[in-house]
Amino acid sequence: MPDVNKIKVTISVTPVVEKAAGSDADAIEVLHHDVGQSLGTSYEISADSSNLINSDTARFFYKDIQVTTTSANIAGGFLDLSGGATSSYTDGTSISASDLIRFLYVENLGFDGDGNALEKNHTNALCLSLDGGGYSNDDSIMIAPGESIAMPLSDNTVNEAGPTIGEVHLDHPSGSPAVIRTRVLFLAADVST
């Protein structure tokens, strides 16, 4: 049996309310009464026809990169932390801008290019765009220092196969810091092979 690349995801979200401390009690966190439970899901994205990936073309990309204020595609548009190129998958295969991203994980590591910790504020946030745009687009997703986002990106539209590497862009809104250290992992369908 050939190797199969897949992503396993588990997400848990718990809405809480912090009840204020009183004269004879400490503050305490409780579940929000309207929700009353933790919410979550688990799923797997693997090389199969429903994700338009077969086992021969499913490829991983994993790098810690230096995101600048210039919007560029998520793979190949930035340097890694050692200053090297980011233009190949973990197996050494070259990346094409037309390859389809099926699962995406982006983490703002919370450090500038020199390794200094960043404050949690708007100017230190990453901007993720799924349509080739950047910070100036109204539809950018902001990722603050120390935060991350994970999302499946399957074929769910009538006329498009989903976002390509060339369409998924990162940048950040401020010239200071010049660089935000960022971790990127994705599973792609290599359509060029």
Foldseek 3Di string as FASTA:
>chain_A
DDDKDKDKDKDKAFAWDWAPADPPGHIDIDGDVVVRDIDIDIDMDIADVQQPAHRVFKFKFKAWWWAFQDKFFPAQGTAGLVRHHRQATPVRHGADQQWAWFKKKKAQQQAHSVRHGHDFDQQQWKWKFQAQDEDVDPPTDTATHGGMDIDGFGCDDDPDRTGGSRGIIMHGDDCVPRTTTMIMMTITGRPVD
